């Protein structure tokens, strides 16, 4: 297990034991982390699992693929370090990772 902390928009933190090999989104949903919706089940189709990753952690993750970047662009989130948690597989190197979550996982409109 890998300790991952999810911090909501109000600053409330929740640390979970995440399974390596499973996405940050699936680990969050399995542990009922509020703020990670994952409406499409991790298929890069909804943008409801956005997180913000600090620069020092981005180097420990695979770069986002084109479909992830397209979805982030679609939801118009320009926050530095924005990623879709469904596209990040947990590894042992992520022990202690803290990610922040947006106020809303749905684009305003």
C-alpha atoms as a PDB file:
ATOM      1  CA  UNK A   1       0.000   0.000   0.000  1.00  0.00           C
ATOM      2  CA  UNK A   2       1.038   3.562  -0.767  1.00  0.00           C
ATOM      3  CA  UNK A   3      -0.082   6.530   1.349  1.00  0.00           C
ATOM      4  CA  UNK A   4      -1.762   9.177  -0.826  1.00  0.00           C
ATOM      5  CA  UNK A   5      -3.375  12.348   0.505  1.00  0.00           C
ATOM      6  CA  UNK A   6      -6.243  14.084  -1.291  1.00  0.00           C
ATOM      7  CA  UNK A   7      -6.910  17.691  -0.257  1.00  0.00           C
ATOM      8  CA  UNK A   8     -10.263  19.210  -1.150  1.00  0.00           C
ATOM      9  CA  UNK A   9     -10.820  22.825  -2.195  1.00  0.00           C
ATOM     10  CA  UNK A  10     -11.523  23.824   1.435  1.00  0.00           C
ATOM     11  CA  UNK A  11      -8.209  22.369   2.631  1.00  0.00           C
ATOM     12  CA  UNK A  12      -9.591  19.216   4.263  1.00  0.00           C
ATOM     13  CA  UNK A  13      -7.133  16.347   3.816  1.00  0.00           C
ATOM     14  CA  UNK A  14      -7.886  12.652   3.552  1.00  0.00           C
ATOM     15  CA  UNK A  15      -5.071  10.096   3.456  1.00  0.00           C
ATOM     16  CA  UNK A  16      -5.745   6.636   2.061  1.00  0.00           C
ATOM     17  CA  UNK A  17      -3.815   3.422   1.514  1.00  0.00           C
ATOM     18  CA  UNK A  18      -3.688   3.152  -2.274  1.00  0.00           C
ATOM     19  CA  UNK A  19      -3.068  -0.027  -4.243  1.00  0.00           C
ATOM     20  CA  UNK A  20      -0.098   0.197  -6.625  1.00  0.00           C
ATOM     21  CA  UNK A  21      -1.108  -0.606 -10.196  1.00  0.00           C
ATOM     22  CA  UNK A  22      -4.539   1.004  -9.755  1.00  0.00           C
ATOM     23  CA  UNK A  23      -5.240   4.589 -10.821  1.00  0.00           C
ATOM     24  CA  UNK A  24      -5.408   7.471  -8.362  1.00  0.00           C
ATOM     25  CA  UNK A  25      -9.087   7.842  -9.339  1.00  0.00           C
ATOM     26  CA  UNK A  26      -9.998   4.192  -8.730  1.00  0.00           C
ATOM     27  CA  UNK A  27      -8.199   4.245  -5.390  1.00  0.00           C
ATOM     28  CA  UNK A  28     -10.059   7.430  -4.412  1.00  0.00           C
ATOM     29  CA  UNK A  29     -13.465   6.100  -5.459  1.00  0.00           C
ATOM     30  CA  UNK A  30     -12.846   2.775  -3.702  1.00  0.00           C
ATOM     31  CA  UNK A  31     -12.003   4.700  -0.527  1.00  0.00           C
ATOM     32  CA  UNK A  32     -14.947   7.112  -0.965  1.00  0.00           C
ATOM     33  CA  UNK A  33     -12.825  10.252  -1.258  1.00  0.00           C
ATOM     34  CA  UNK A  34     -15.255  13.140  -1.708  1.00  0.00           C
ATOM     35  CA  UNK A  35     -14.423  15.345  -4.673  1.00  0.00           C
ATOM     36  CA  UNK A  36     -13.285  12.612  -7.058  1.00  0.00           C
ATOM     37  CA  UNK A  37     -16.315  11.691  -9.150  1.00  0.00           C
ATOM     38  CA  UNK A  38     -14.886   9.591 -11.992  1.00  0.00           C
ATOM     39  CA  UNK A  39     -18.206   9.624 -13.809  1.00  0.00           C
ATOM     40  CA  UNK A  40     -16.868   7.833 -16.918  1.00  0.00           C
ATOM     41  CA  UNK A  41     -15.129   5.114 -14.921  1.00  0.00           C
ATOM     42  CA  UNK A  42     -11.640   6.149 -15.945  1.00  0.00           C
ATOM     43  CA  UNK A  43     -12.057   6.333 -19.703  1.00  0.00           C
ATOM     44  CA  UNK A  44     -10.808   9.923 -20.168  1.00  0.00           C
ATOM     45  CA  UNK A  45     -14.285  11.060 -21.192  1.00  0.00           C
ATOM     46  CA  UNK A  46     -15.606  13.332 -18.447  1.00  0.00           C
ATOM     47  CA  UNK A  47     -12.928  15.308 -16.577  1.00  0.00           C
ATOM     48  CA  UNK A  48     -14.633  14.642 -13.210  1.00  0.00           C
ATOM     49  CA  UNK A  49     -11.520  13.246 -11.560  1.00  0.00           C
ATOM     50  CA  UNK A  50      -9.249  16.263 -11.919  1.00  0.00           C
ATOM     51  CA  UNK A  51      -6.452  16.796  -9.439  1.00  0.00           C
ATOM     52  CA  UNK A  52      -3.614  19.283  -9.083  1.00  0.00           C
ATOM     53  CA  UNK A  53      -0.147  17.793  -8.716  1.00  0.00           C
ATOM     54  CA  UNK A  54       2.826  19.741  -7.367  1.00  0.00           C
ATOM     55  CA  UNK A  55       5.797  20.081  -9.729  1.00  0.00           C
ATOM     56  CA  UNK A  56       8.080  17.859  -7.642  1.00  0.00           C
ATOM     57  CA  UNK A  57       5.660  14.937  -8.078  1.00  0.00           C
ATOM     58  CA  UNK A  58       5.002  15.394 -11.792  1.00  0.00           C
ATOM     59  CA  UNK A  59       8.458  13.996 -12.596  1.00  0.00           C
ATOM     60  CA  UNK A  60       7.485  10.713 -10.878  1.00  0.00           C
ATOM     61  CA  UNK A  61       4.506  10.231 -13.203  1.00  0.00           C
ATOM     62  CA  UNK A  62       4.138   9.425 -16.857  1.00  0.00           C
ATOM     63  CA  UNK A  63       3.469  12.494 -18.989  1.00  0.00           C
ATOM     64  CA  UNK A  64      -0.183  13.017 -19.949  1.00  0.00           C
ATOM     65  CA  UNK A  65      -1.305  11.478 -23.222  1.00  0.00           C
ATOM     66  CA  UNK A  66      -3.062  13.458 -25.939  1.00  0.00           C
ATOM     67  CA  UNK A  67      -6.563  12.310 -24.918  1.00  0.00           C
ATOM     68  CA  UNK A  68      -5.980  13.458 -21.332  1.00  0.00           C
ATOM     69  CA  UNK A  69      -4.754  16.857 -22.513  1.00  0.00           C
ATOM     70  CA  UNK A  70      -7.795  17.170 -24.797  1.00  0.00           C
ATOM     71  CA  UNK A  71     -10.189  16.477 -21.894  1.00  0.00           C
ATOM     72  CA  UNK A  72      -8.412  18.971 -19.647  1.00  0.00           C
ATOM     73  CA  UNK A  73      -8.687  21.536 -22.424  1.00  0.00           C
ATOM     74  CA  UNK A  74     -12.380  20.694 -22.874  1.00  0.00           C
ATOM     75  CA  UNK A  75     -13.166  21.389 -19.196  1.00  0.00           C
ATOM     76  CA  UNK A  76     -11.113  24.604 -19.500  1.00  0.00           C
ATOM     77  CA  UNK A  77      -8.994  24.015 -16.414  1.00  0.00           C
ATOM     78  CA  UNK A  78      -5.770  26.017 -16.719  1.00  0.00           C
ATOM     79  CA  UNK A  79      -4.573  25.392 -13.150  1.00  0.00           C
ATOM     80  CA  UNK A  80      -0.865  24.485 -12.999  1.00  0.00           C
ATOM     81  CA  UNK A  81      -0.288  20.770 -12.461  1.00  0.00           C
ATOM     82  CA  UNK A  82      -3.808  19.755 -13.537  1.00  0.00           C
ATOM     83  CA  UNK A  83      -4.135  16.050 -14.373  1.00  0.00           C
ATOM     84  CA  UNK A  84      -6.887  13.460 -14.628  1.00  0.00           C
ATOM     85  CA  UNK A  85      -6.456  11.062 -11.732  1.00  0.00           C
ATOM     86  CA  UNK A  86      -7.877   8.224 -13.848  1.00  0.00           C
ATOM     87  CA  UNK A  87      -4.767   8.401 -16.023  1.00  0.00           C
ATOM     88  CA  UNK A  88      -2.176   8.165 -13.235  1.00  0.00           C
ATOM     89  CA  UNK A  89      -1.242   4.690 -12.075  1.00  0.00           C
ATOM     90  CA  UNK A  90      -0.099   4.521  -8.462  1.00  0.00           C
ATOM     91  CA  UNK A  91       3.488   3.337  -7.998  1.00  0.00           C
ATOM     92  CA  UNK A  92       5.619   2.767  -4.906  1.00  0.00           C
ATOM     93  CA  UNK A  93       7.530   5.963  -5.828  1.00  0.00           C
ATOM     94  CA  UNK A  94       4.356   7.952  -5.036  1.00  0.00           C
ATOM     95  CA  UNK A  95       4.503   7.201  -1.299  1.00  0.00           C
ATOM     96  CA  UNK A  96       3.490  10.426   0.469  1.00  0.00           C
ATOM     97  CA  UNK A  97       1.960  12.089  -2.607  1.00  0.00           C
ATOM     98  CA  UNK A  98      -0.461  14.921  -1.837  1.00  0.00           C
ATOM     99  CA  UNK A  99      -2.863  16.106  -4.520  1.00  0.00           C
ATOM    100  CA  UNK A 100      -5.362  18.941  -4.451  1.00  0.00           C
ATOM    101  CA  UNK A 101      -8.851  18.866  -5.910  1.00  0.00           C
ATOM    102  CA  UNK A 102     -10.898  21.605  -7.577  1.00  0.00           C
ATOM    103  CA  UNK A 103     -14.010  23.108  -6.049  1.00  0.00           C
ATOM    104  CA  UNK A 104     -16.119  21.439  -8.707  1.00  0.00           C
ATOM    105  CA  UNK A 105     -15.447  18.537 -11.014  1.00  0.00           C
ATOM    106  CA  UNK A 106     -17.878  19.897 -13.582  1.00  0.00           C
ATOM    107  CA  UNK A 107     -17.205  22.756 -16.006  1.00  0.00           C
ATOM    108  CA  UNK A 108     -19.272  25.821 -15.284  1.00  0.00           C
ATOM    109  CA  UNK A 109     -21.844  26.658 -17.870  1.00  0.00           C
END
